[in-house]
Amino acid sequence: VIIDAVRSMASGFIFTTSIPPSTAAGALRSVKILKVKPEKRF
């Protein structure tokens, strides 16, 4: 419900072009890698 409210009312989200698909894809891969690679954090 919080996400839906921000999504529906925040002008900084509504009125701007979204990040490129390639950026989202790279971020997705990075998040997935770091989820299972704690040795990088160590």
PDB file of all heavy atoms in Angstrom:
ATOM      1  N   VAL A   1       0.822  -1.206   0.000  1.00  0.00           N
ATOM      2  CA  VAL A   1       0.000   0.000   0.000  1.00  0.00           C
ATOM      3  C   VAL A   1       0.861   1.264   0.000  1.00  0.00           C
ATOM      4  O   VAL A   1       0.501   2.275  -0.615  1.00  0.00           O
ATOM      5  CB  VAL A   1      -0.991  -0.012   1.191  1.00  0.00           C
ATOM      6  CG1 VAL A   1      -0.256   0.092   2.525  1.00  0.00           C
ATOM      7  CG2 VAL A   1      -2.015   1.098   1.045  1.00  0.00           C
ATOM      8  N   ILE A   2       2.008   1.223   0.667  1.00  0.00           N
ATOM      9  CA  ILE A   2       2.904   2.380   0.670  1.00  0.00           C
ATOM     10  C   ILE A   2       3.488   2.591  -0.717  1.00  0.00           C
ATOM     11  O   ILE A   2       3.508   3.714  -1.240  1.00  0.00           O
ATOM     12  CB  ILE A   2       4.025   2.204   1.719  1.00  0.00           C
ATOM     13  CG1 ILE A   2       3.440   2.214   3.131  1.00  0.00           C
ATOM     14  CG2 ILE A   2       5.084   3.298   1.565  1.00  0.00           C
ATOM     15  CD1 ILE A   2       4.461   1.944   4.231  1.00  0.00           C
ATOM     16  N   ILE A   3       3.959   1.526  -1.331  1.00  0.00           N
ATOM     17  CA  ILE A   3       4.522   1.631  -2.677  1.00  0.00           C
ATOM     18  C   ILE A   3       3.478   2.136  -3.656  1.00  0.00           C
ATOM     19  O   ILE A   3       3.746   3.001  -4.503  1.00  0.00           O
ATOM     20  CB  ILE A   3       5.078   0.268  -3.151  1.00  0.00           C
ATOM     21  CG1 ILE A   3       6.269  -0.152  -2.293  1.00  0.00           C
ATOM     22  CG2 ILE A   3       5.477   0.336  -4.632  1.00  0.00           C
ATOM     23  CD1 ILE A   3       7.480   0.747  -2.381  1.00  0.00           C
ATOM     24  N   ASP A   4       2.259   1.633  -3.543  1.00  0.00           N
ATOM     25  CA  ASP A   4       1.201   2.040  -4.460  1.00  0.00           C
ATOM     26  C   ASP A   4       0.887   3.527  -4.307  1.00  0.00           C
ATOM     27  O   ASP A   4       0.636   4.234  -5.296  1.00  0.00           O
ATOM     28  CB  ASP A   4      -0.054   1.203  -4.219  1.00  0.00           C
ATOM     29  CG  ASP A   4      -0.914   1.064  -5.467  1.00  0.00           C
ATOM     30  OD1 ASP A   4      -0.395   1.306  -6.583  1.00  0.00           O
ATOM     31  OD2 ASP A   4      -2.097   0.729  -5.334  1.00  0.00           O
ATOM     32  N   ALA A   5       0.899   4.020  -3.071  1.00  0.00           N
ATOM     33  CA  ALA A   5       0.625   5.441  -2.835  1.00  0.00           C
ATOM     34  C   ALA A   5       1.726   6.319  -3.422  1.00  0.00           C
ATOM     35  O   ALA A   5       1.449   7.328  -4.082  1.00  0.00           O
ATOM     36  CB  ALA A   5       0.479   5.701  -1.338  1.00  0.00           C
ATOM     37  N   VAL A   6       2.985   5.946  -3.201  1.00  0.00           N
ATOM     38  CA  VAL A   6       4.098   6.724  -3.759  1.00  0.00           C
ATOM     39  C   VAL A   6       4.070   6.664  -5.280  1.00  0.00           C
ATOM     40  O   VAL A   6       4.237   7.683  -5.967  1.00  0.00           O
ATOM     41  CB  VAL A   6       5.443   6.203  -3.212  1.00  0.00           C
ATOM     42  CG1 VAL A   6       6.612   6.903  -3.904  1.00  0.00           C
ATOM     43  CG2 VAL A   6       5.526   6.402  -1.703  1.00  0.00           C
ATOM     44  N   ARG A   7       3.843   5.493  -5.819  1.00  0.00           N
ATOM     45  CA  ARG A   7       3.776   5.305  -7.272  1.00  0.00           C
ATOM     46  C   ARG A   7       2.696   6.181  -7.904  1.00  0.00           C
ATOM     47  O   ARG A   7       2.858   6.698  -9.012  1.00  0.00           O
ATOM     48  CB  ARG A   7       3.480   3.828  -7.553  1.00  0.00           C
ATOM     49  CG  ARG A   7       3.408   3.435  -9.013  1.00  0.00           C
ATOM     50  CD  ARG A   7       2.932   1.999  -9.137  1.00  0.00           C
ATOM     51  NE  ARG A   7       1.496   1.885  -8.925  1.00  0.00           N
ATOM     52  CZ  ARG A   7       0.584   1.968  -9.899  1.00  0.00           C
ATOM     53  NH1 ARG A   7       0.972   2.168 -11.142  1.00  0.00           N
ATOM     54  NH2 ARG A   7      -0.698   1.850  -9.611  1.00  0.00           N
ATOM     55  N   SER A   8       1.607   6.357  -7.176  1.00  0.00           N
ATOM     56  CA  SER A   8       0.452   7.077  -7.708  1.00  0.00           C
ATOM     57  C   SER A   8       0.519   8.584  -7.516  1.00  0.00           C
ATOM     58  O   SER A   8      -0.177   9.331  -8.212  1.00  0.00           O
ATOM     59  CB  SER A   8      -0.830   6.555  -7.037  1.00  0.00           C
ATOM     60  OG  SER A   8      -1.004   5.179  -7.257  1.00  0.00           O
ATOM     61  N   MET A   9       1.374   9.061  -6.574  1.00  0.00           N
ATOM     62  CA  MET A   9       1.305  10.470  -6.198  1.00  0.00           C
ATOM     63  C   MET A   9       2.618  11.237  -6.277  1.00  0.00           C
ATOM     64  O   MET A   9       2.612  12.470  -6.290  1.00  0.00           O
ATOM     65  CB  MET A   9       0.755  10.572  -4.771  1.00  0.00           C
ATOM     66  CG  MET A   9      -0.636   9.984  -4.608  1.00  0.00           C
ATOM     67  SD  MET A   9      -1.298  10.164  -2.937  1.00  0.00           S
ATOM     68  CE  MET A   9      -1.585  11.939  -2.886  1.00  0.00           C
ATOM     69  N   ALA A  10       3.756  10.561  -6.339  1.00  0.00           N
ATOM     70  CA  ALA A  10       5.055  11.250  -6.300  1.00  0.00           C
ATOM     71  C   ALA A  10       5.437  11.764  -7.687  1.00  0.00           C
ATOM     72  O   ALA A  10       5.680  10.978  -8.606  1.00  0.00           O
ATOM     73  CB  ALA A  10       6.131  10.320  -5.758  1.00  0.00           C
ATOM     74  N   SER A  11       5.514  13.070  -7.827  1.00  0.00           N
ATOM     75  CA  SER A  11       5.817  13.652  -9.142  1.00  0.00           C
ATOM     76  C   SER A  11       7.207  13.269  -9.632  1.00  0.00           C
ATOM     77  O   SER A  11       7.433  13.138 -10.841  1.00  0.00           O
ATOM     78  CB  SER A  11       5.675  15.173  -9.086  1.00  0.00           C
ATOM     79  OG  SER A  11       6.583  15.736  -8.157  1.00  0.00           O
ATOM     80  N   GLY A  12       8.156  13.075  -8.712  1.00  0.00           N
ATOM     81  CA  GLY A  12       9.507  12.685  -9.110  1.00  0.00           C
ATOM     82  C   GLY A  12       9.577  11.307  -9.713  1.00  0.00           C
ATOM     83  O   GLY A  12      10.556  10.962 -10.383  1.00  0.00           O
ATOM     84  N   PHE A  13       8.549  10.499  -9.487  1.00  0.00           N
ATOM     85  CA  PHE A  13       8.437   9.201 -10.131  1.00  0.00           C
ATOM     86  C   PHE A  13       7.583   9.272 -11.388  1.00  0.00           C
ATOM     87  O   PHE A  13       7.924   8.700 -12.424  1.00  0.00           O
ATOM     88  CB  PHE A  13       7.827   8.184  -9.166  1.00  0.00           C
ATOM     89  CG  PHE A  13       7.519   6.847  -9.800  1.00  0.00           C
ATOM     90  CD1 PHE A  13       8.521   5.934 -10.038  1.00  0.00           C
ATOM     91  CD2 PHE A  13       6.216   6.516 -10.172  1.00  0.00           C
ATOM     92  CE1 PHE A  13       8.251   4.710 -10.626  1.00  0.00           C
ATOM     93  CE2 PHE A  13       5.928   5.297 -10.768  1.00  0.00           C
ATOM     94  CZ  PHE A  13       6.947   4.393 -10.998  1.00  0.00           C
ATOM     95  N   ILE A  14       6.481  10.013 -11.310  1.00  0.00           N
ATOM     96  CA  ILE A  14       5.495  10.024 -12.390  1.00  0.00           C
ATOM     97  C   ILE A  14       6.000  10.721 -13.644  1.00  0.00           C
ATOM     98  O   ILE A  14       5.837  10.218 -14.762  1.00  0.00           O
ATOM     99  CB  ILE A  14       4.190  10.698 -11.906  1.00  0.00           C
ATOM    100  CG1 ILE A  14       3.544   9.888 -10.781  1.00  0.00           C
ATOM    101  CG2 ILE A  14       3.210  10.874 -13.063  1.00  0.00           C
ATOM    102  CD1 ILE A  14       2.402  10.608 -10.079  1.00  0.00           C
ATOM    103  N   PHE A  15       6.637  11.884 -13.469  1.00  0.00           N
ATOM    104  CA  PHE A  15       6.899  12.764 -14.607  1.00  0.00           C
ATOM    105  C   PHE A  15       8.341  12.715 -15.107  1.00  0.00           C
ATOM    106  O   PHE A  15       8.923  13.744 -15.459  1.00  0.00           O
ATOM    107  CB  PHE A  15       6.526  14.203 -14.242  1.00  0.00           C
ATOM    108  CG  PHE A  15       5.069  14.384 -13.939  1.00  0.00           C
ATOM    109  CD1 PHE A  15       4.639  14.551 -12.631  1.00  0.00           C
ATOM    110  CD2 PHE A  15       4.124  14.360 -14.952  1.00  0.00           C
ATOM    111  CE1 PHE A  15       3.287  14.718 -12.339  1.00  0.00           C
ATOM    112  CE2 PHE A  15       2.771  14.522 -14.676  1.00  0.00           C
ATOM    113  CZ  PHE A  15       2.350  14.699 -13.369  1.00  0.00           C
ATOM    114  N   THR A  16       8.922  11.530 -15.158  1.00  0.00           N
ATOM    115  CA  THR A  16      10.280  11.424 -15.700  1.00  0.00           C
ATOM    116  C   THR A  16      10.442  10.093 -16.417  1.00  0.00           C
ATOM    117  O   THR A  16       9.786   9.103 -16.080  1.00  0.00           O
ATOM    118  CB  THR A  16      11.335  11.556 -14.575  1.00  0.00           C
ATOM    119  OG1 THR A  16      12.640  11.662 -15.158  1.00  0.00           O
ATOM    120  CG2 THR A  16      11.305  10.360 -13.636  1.00  0.00           C
ATOM    121  N   THR A  17      11.299  10.093 -17.422  1.00  0.00           N
ATOM    122  CA  THR A  17      11.591   8.868 -18.157  1.00  0.00           C
ATOM    123  C   THR A  17      12.252   7.850 -17.235  1.00  0.00           C
ATOM    124  O   THR A  17      13.113   8.201 -16.424  1.00  0.00           O
ATOM    125  CB  THR A  17      12.511   9.175 -19.351  1.00  0.00           C
ATOM    126  OG1 THR A  17      11.853  10.109 -20.205  1.00  0.00           O
ATOM    127  CG2 THR A  17      12.839   7.918 -20.142  1.00  0.00           C
ATOM    128  N   SER A  18      11.873   6.608 -17.339  1.00  0.00           N
ATOM    129  CA  SER A  18      12.436   5.561 -16.488  1.00  0.00           C
ATOM    130  C   SER A  18      13.865   5.228 -16.903  1.00  0.00           C
ATOM    131  O   SER A  18      14.315   5.575 -18.004  1.00  0.00           O
ATOM    132  CB  SER A  18      11.568   4.302 -16.565  1.00  0.00           C
ATOM    133  OG  SER A  18      11.545   3.783 -17.883  1.00  0.00           O
ATOM    134  N   ILE A  19      14.583   4.561 -16.012  1.00  0.00           N
ATOM    135  CA  ILE A  19      15.963   4.185 -16.330  1.00  0.00           C
ATOM    136  C   ILE A  19      15.970   3.251 -17.534  1.00  0.00           C
ATOM    137  O   ILE A  19      15.007   2.519 -17.786  1.00  0.00           O
ATOM    138  CB  ILE A  19      16.664   3.519 -15.129  1.00  0.00           C
ATOM    139  CG1 ILE A  19      15.976   2.206 -14.732  1.00  0.00           C
ATOM    140  CG2 ILE A  19      16.746   4.479 -13.948  1.00  0.00           C
ATOM    141  CD1 ILE A  19      16.727   1.400 -13.666  1.00  0.00           C
ATOM    142  N   PRO A  20      17.044   3.250 -18.328  1.00  0.00           N
ATOM    143  CA  PRO A  20      17.101   2.391 -19.518  1.00  0.00           C
ATOM    144  C   PRO A  20      16.970   0.908 -19.159  1.00  0.00           C
ATOM    145  O   PRO A  20      17.396   0.482 -18.075  1.00  0.00           O
ATOM    146  CB  PRO A  20      18.490   2.684 -20.096  1.00  0.00           C
ATOM    147  CG  PRO A  20      18.842   4.035 -19.575  1.00  0.00           C
ATOM    148  CD  PRO A  20      18.232   4.108 -18.208  1.00  0.00           C
ATOM    149  N   PRO A  21      16.402   0.117 -20.050  1.00  0.00           N
ATOM    150  CA  PRO A  21      16.297  -1.326 -19.804  1.00  0.00           C
ATOM    151  C   PRO A  21      17.651  -1.967 -19.504  1.00  0.00           C
ATOM    152  O   PRO A  21      17.747  -2.853 -18.646  1.00  0.00           O
ATOM    153  CB  PRO A  21      15.707  -1.868 -21.109  1.00  0.00           C
ATOM    154  CG  PRO A  21      14.995  -0.712 -21.720  1.00  0.00           C
ATOM    155  CD  PRO A  21      15.772   0.505 -21.324  1.00  0.00           C
ATOM    156  N   SER A  22      18.695  -1.509 -20.190  1.00  0.00           N
ATOM    157  CA  SER A  22      20.026  -2.082 -19.969  1.00  0.00           C
ATOM    158  C   SER A  22      20.532  -1.789 -18.564  1.00  0.00           C
ATOM    159  O   SER A  22      21.220  -2.616 -17.951  1.00  0.00           O
ATOM    160  CB  SER A  22      21.014  -1.534 -21.003  1.00  0.00           C
ATOM    161  OG  SER A  22      21.055  -0.117 -20.959  1.00  0.00           O
ATOM    162  N   THR A  23      20.205  -0.619 -18.036  1.00  0.00           N
ATOM    163  CA  THR A  23      20.590  -0.276 -16.667  1.00  0.00           C
ATOM    164  C   THR A  23      19.863  -1.177 -15.678  1.00  0.00           C
ATOM    165  O   THR A  23      20.462  -1.691 -14.723  1.00  0.00           O
ATOM    166  CB  THR A  23      20.271   1.203 -16.372  1.00  0.00           C
ATOM    167  OG1 THR A  23      21.016   2.024 -17.264  1.00  0.00           O
ATOM    168  CG2 THR A  23      20.617   1.565 -14.942  1.00  0.00           C
ATOM    169  N   ALA A  24      18.571  -1.371 -15.900  1.00  0.00           N
ATOM    170  CA  ALA A  24      17.796  -2.261 -15.031  1.00  0.00           C
ATOM    171  C   ALA A  24      18.332  -3.688 -15.099  1.00  0.00           C
ATOM    172  O   ALA A  24      18.427  -4.382 -14.076  1.00  0.00           O
ATOM    173  CB  ALA A  24      16.322  -2.219 -15.418  1.00  0.00           C
ATOM    174  N   ALA A  25      18.705  -4.121 -16.295  1.00  0.00           N
ATOM    175  CA  ALA A  25      19.226  -5.484 -16.474  1.00  0.00           C
ATOM    176  C   ALA A  25      20.566  -5.650 -15.757  1.00  0.00           C
ATOM    177  O   ALA A  25      20.810  -6.681 -15.104  1.00  0.00           O
ATOM    178  CB  ALA A  25      19.375  -5.798 -17.955  1.00  0.00           C
ATOM    179  N   GLY A  26      21.432  -4.652 -15.879  1.00  0.00           N
ATOM    180  CA  GLY A  26      22.721  -4.718 -15.196  1.00  0.00           C
ATOM    181  C   GLY A  26      22.554  -4.711 -13.689  1.00  0.00           C
ATOM    182  O   GLY A  26      23.228  -5.459 -12.966  1.00  0.00           O
ATOM    183  N   ALA A  27      21.652  -3.867 -13.199  1.00  0.00           N
ATOM    184  CA  ALA A  27      21.398  -3.811 -11.755  1.00  0.00           C
ATOM    185  C   ALA A  27      20.822  -5.131 -11.250  1.00  0.00           C
ATOM    186  O   ALA A  27      21.195  -5.623 -10.175  1.00  0.00           O
ATOM    187  CB  ALA A  27      20.452  -2.658 -11.439  1.00  0.00           C
ATOM    188  N   LEU A  28      19.905  -5.694 -12.019  1.00  0.00           N
ATOM    189  CA  LEU A  28      19.305  -6.980 -11.652  1.00  0.00           C
ATOM    190  C   LEU A  28      20.368  -8.058 -11.507  1.00  0.00           C
ATOM    191  O   LEU A  28      20.390  -8.810 -10.516  1.00  0.00           O
ATOM    192  CB  LEU A  28      18.274  -7.383 -12.706  1.00  0.00           C
ATOM    193  CG  LEU A  28      17.621  -8.768 -12.555  1.00  0.00           C
ATOM    194  CD1 LEU A  28      16.826  -8.848 -11.259  1.00  0.00           C
ATOM    195  CD2 LEU A  28      16.723  -9.057 -13.762  1.00  0.00           C
ATOM    196  N   ARG A  29      21.277  -8.115 -12.466  1.00  0.00           N
ATOM    197  CA  ARG A  29      22.352  -9.106 -12.407  1.00  0.00           C
ATOM    198  C   ARG A  29      23.257  -8.857 -11.204  1.00  0.00           C
ATOM    199  O   ARG A  29      23.666  -9.790 -10.505  1.00  0.00           O
ATOM    200  CB  ARG A  29      23.166  -9.073 -13.699  1.00  0.00           C
ATOM    201  CG  ARG A  29      24.278 -10.118 -13.778  1.00  0.00           C
ATOM    202  CD  ARG A  29      23.743 -11.539 -13.847  1.00  0.00           C
ATOM    203  NE  ARG A  29      22.905 -11.730 -15.017  1.00  0.00           N
ATOM    204  CZ  ARG A  29      23.366 -12.045 -16.237  1.00  0.00           C
ATOM    205  NH1 ARG A  29      24.661 -12.219 -16.428  1.00  0.00           N
ATOM    206  NH2 ARG A  29      22.533 -12.202 -17.247  1.00  0.00           N
ATOM    207  N   SER A  30      23.561  -7.605 -10.958  1.00  0.00           N
ATOM    208  CA  SER A  30      24.448  -7.248  -9.852  1.00  0.00           C
ATOM    209  C   SER A  30      23.824  -7.628  -8.505  1.00  0.00           C
ATOM    210  O   SER A  30      24.490  -8.194  -7.632  1.00  0.00           O
ATOM    211  CB  SER A  30      24.756  -5.749  -9.890  1.00  0.00           C
ATOM    212  OG  SER A  30      25.738  -5.403  -8.945  1.00  0.00           O
ATOM    213  N   VAL A  31      22.547  -7.317  -8.322  1.00  0.00           N
ATOM    214  CA  VAL A  31      21.854  -7.669  -7.076  1.00  0.00           C
ATOM    215  C   VAL A  31      21.861  -9.180  -6.877  1.00  0.00           C
ATOM    216  O   VAL A  31      22.131  -9.682  -5.774  1.00  0.00           O
ATOM    217  CB  VAL A  31      20.412  -7.124  -7.076  1.00  0.00           C
ATOM    218  CG1 VAL A  31      19.634  -7.650  -5.871  1.00  0.00           C
ATOM    219  CG2 VAL A  31      20.409  -5.602  -7.079  1.00  0.00           C
ATOM    220  N   LYS A  32      21.581  -9.915  -7.939  1.00  0.00           N
ATOM    221  CA  LYS A  32      21.556 -11.373  -7.841  1.00  0.00           C
ATOM    222  C   LYS A  32      22.918 -11.937  -7.482  1.00  0.00           C
ATOM    223  O   LYS A  32      23.027 -12.859  -6.654  1.00  0.00           O
ATOM    224  CB  LYS A  32      21.069 -11.977  -9.170  1.00  0.00           C
ATOM    225  CG  LYS A  32      19.579 -11.838  -9.409  1.00  0.00           C
ATOM    226  CD  LYS A  32      19.165 -12.566 -10.681  1.00  0.00           C
ATOM    227  CE  LYS A  32      17.654 -12.605 -10.836  1.00  0.00           C
ATOM    228  NZ  LYS A  32      17.242 -13.349 -12.049  1.00  0.00           N
ATOM    229  N   ILE A  33      23.974 -11.392  -8.073  1.00  0.00           N
ATOM    230  CA  ILE A  33      25.330 -11.876  -7.789  1.00  0.00           C
ATOM    231  C   ILE A  33      25.681 -11.646  -6.322  1.00  0.00           C
ATOM    232  O   ILE A  33      26.161 -12.551  -5.624  1.00  0.00           O
ATOM    233  CB  ILE A  33      26.359 -11.183  -8.698  1.00  0.00           C
ATOM    234  CG1 ILE A  33      26.199 -11.659 -10.146  1.00  0.00           C
ATOM    235  CG2 ILE A  33      27.792 -11.453  -8.208  1.00  0.00           C
ATOM    236  CD1 ILE A  33      27.029 -10.857 -11.144  1.00  0.00           C
ATOM    237  N   LEU A  34      25.430 -10.421  -5.845  1.00  0.00           N
ATOM    238  CA  LEU A  34      25.833 -10.092  -4.477  1.00  0.00           C
ATOM    239  C   LEU A  34      24.975 -10.786  -3.432  1.00  0.00           C
ATOM    240  O   LEU A  34      25.393 -10.918  -2.278  1.00  0.00           O
ATOM    241  CB  LEU A  34      25.813  -8.577  -4.276  1.00  0.00           C
ATOM    242  CG  LEU A  34      26.909  -7.819  -5.040  1.00  0.00           C
ATOM    243  CD1 LEU A  34      26.820  -6.326  -4.765  1.00  0.00           C
ATOM    244  CD2 LEU A  34      28.298  -8.340  -4.658  1.00  0.00           C
ATOM    245  N   LYS A  35      23.793 -11.227  -3.818  1.00  0.00           N
ATOM    246  CA  LYS A  35      22.979 -12.013  -2.880  1.00  0.00           C
ATOM    247  C   LYS A  35      23.680 -13.315  -2.495  1.00  0.00           C
ATOM    248  O   LYS A  35      23.524 -13.800  -1.364  1.00  0.00           O
ATOM    249  CB  LYS A  35      21.618 -12.340  -3.503  1.00  0.00           C
ATOM    250  CG  LYS A  35      20.554 -11.269  -3.324  1.00  0.00           C
ATOM    251  CD  LYS A  35      19.218 -11.780  -3.845  1.00  0.00           C
ATOM    252  CE  LYS A  35      18.087 -10.817  -3.535  1.00  0.00           C
ATOM    253  NZ  LYS A  35      16.780 -11.313  -4.009  1.00  0.00           N
ATOM    254  N   VAL A  36      24.426 -13.888  -3.420  1.00  0.00           N
ATOM    255  CA  VAL A  36      25.020 -15.219  -3.193  1.00  0.00           C
ATOM    256  C   VAL A  36      26.539 -15.184  -3.132  1.00  0.00           C
ATOM    257  O   VAL A  36      27.185 -16.239  -3.110  1.00  0.00           O
ATOM    258  CB  VAL A  36      24.560 -16.209  -4.287  1.00  0.00           C
ATOM    259  CG1 VAL A  36      23.050 -16.387  -4.255  1.00  0.00           C
ATOM    260  CG2 VAL A  36      24.994 -15.748  -5.678  1.00  0.00           C
ATOM    261  N   LYS A  37      27.133 -13.990  -3.086  1.00  0.00           N
ATOM    262  CA  LYS A  37      28.592 -13.858  -3.050  1.00  0.00           C
ATOM    263  C   LYS A  37      29.028 -13.053  -1.827  1.00  0.00           C
ATOM    264  O   LYS A  37      29.579 -11.956  -1.951  1.00  0.00           O
ATOM    265  CB  LYS A  37      29.098 -13.198  -4.334  1.00  0.00           C
ATOM    266  CG  LYS A  37      28.891 -13.997  -5.598  1.00  0.00           C
ATOM    267  CD  LYS A  37      29.869 -15.158  -5.685  1.00  0.00           C
ATOM    268  CE  LYS A  37      29.767 -15.867  -7.036  1.00  0.00           C
ATOM    269  NZ  LYS A  37      30.711 -17.003  -7.129  1.00  0.00           N
ATOM    270  N   PRO A  38      28.814 -13.581  -0.623  1.00  0.00           N
ATOM    271  CA  PRO A  38      29.211 -12.826   0.573  1.00  0.00           C
ATOM    272  C   PRO A  38      30.713 -12.606   0.670  1.00  0.00           C
ATOM    273  O   PRO A  38      31.164 -11.699   1.377  1.00  0.00           O
ATOM    274  CB  PRO A  38      28.700 -13.700   1.724  1.00  0.00           C
ATOM    275  CG  PRO A  38      28.625 -15.081   1.153  1.00  0.00           C
ATOM    276  CD  PRO A  38      28.223 -14.890  -0.278  1.00  0.00           C
ATOM    277  N   GLU A  39      31.497 -13.423  -0.037  1.00  0.00           N
ATOM    278  CA  GLU A  39      32.952 -13.259   0.025  1.00  0.00           C
ATOM    279  C   GLU A  39      33.397 -11.892  -0.472  1.00  0.00           C
ATOM    280  O   GLU A  39      34.435 -11.373  -0.035  1.00  0.00           O
ATOM    281  CB  GLU A  39      33.658 -14.362  -0.766  1.00  0.00           C
ATOM    282  CG  GLU A  39      33.333 -14.418  -2.250  1.00  0.00           C
ATOM    283  CD  GLU A  39      32.162 -15.335  -2.575  1.00  0.00           C
ATOM    284  OE1 GLU A  39      31.334 -15.599  -1.674  1.00  0.00           O
ATOM    285  OE2 GLU A  39      32.076 -15.768  -3.743  1.00  0.00           O
ATOM    286  N   LYS A  40      32.617 -11.279  -1.372  1.00  0.00           N
ATOM    287  CA  LYS A  40      32.947  -9.934  -1.813  1.00  0.00           C
ATOM    288  C   LYS A  40      32.813  -8.936  -0.662  1.00  0.00           C
ATOM    289  O   LYS A  40      33.616  -8.014  -0.523  1.00  0.00           O
ATOM    290  CB  LYS A  40      32.051  -9.522  -2.984  1.00  0.00           C
ATOM    291  CG  LYS A  40      32.311 -10.273  -4.278  1.00  0.00           C
ATOM    292  CD  LYS A  40      31.428  -9.766  -5.402  1.00  0.00           C
ATOM    293  CE  LYS A  40      31.686 -10.525  -6.694  1.00  0.00           C
ATOM    294  NZ  LYS A  40      33.010 -10.242  -7.268  1.00  0.00           N
ATOM    295  N   ARG A  41      31.781  -9.127   0.155  1.00  0.00           N
ATOM    296  CA  ARG A  41      31.604  -8.264   1.317  1.00  0.00           C
ATOM    297  C   ARG A  41      32.702  -8.480   2.356  1.00  0.00           C
ATOM    298  O   ARG A  41      33.209  -7.527   2.960  1.00  0.00           O
ATOM    299  CB  ARG A  41      30.221  -8.510   1.940  1.00  0.00           C
ATOM    300  CG  ARG A  41      29.079  -7.961   1.107  1.00  0.00           C
ATOM    301  CD  ARG A  41      27.742  -8.136   1.798  1.00  0.00           C
ATOM    302  NE  ARG A  41      27.198  -9.482   1.656  1.00  0.00           N
ATOM    303  CZ  ARG A  41      26.583  -9.927   0.568  1.00  0.00           C
ATOM    304  NH1 ARG A  41      26.453  -9.135  -0.482  1.00  0.00           N
ATOM    305  NH2 ARG A  41      26.090 -11.143   0.503  1.00  0.00           N
ATOM    306  N   PHE A  42      33.083  -9.744   2.569  1.00  0.00           N
ATOM    307  CA  PHE A  42      34.138 -10.040   3.535  1.00  0.00           C
ATOM    308  C   PHE A  42      35.460  -9.394   3.105  1.00  0.00           C
ATOM    309  O   PHE A  42      36.168  -8.798   3.922  1.00  0.00           O
ATOM    310  CB  PHE A  42      34.326 -11.559   3.674  1.00  0.00           C
ATOM    311  CG  PHE A  42      33.096 -12.301   4.110  1.00  0.00           C
ATOM    312  CD1 PHE A  42      32.907 -13.633   3.755  1.00  0.00           C
ATOM    313  CD2 PHE A  42      32.114 -11.688   4.880  1.00  0.00           C
ATOM    314  CE1 PHE A  42      31.779 -14.327   4.159  1.00  0.00           C
ATOM    315  CE2 PHE A  42      30.970 -12.371   5.290  1.00  0.00           C
ATOM    316  CZ  PHE A  42      30.809 -13.700   4.924  1.00  0.00           C
TER     317      PHE A  42
END
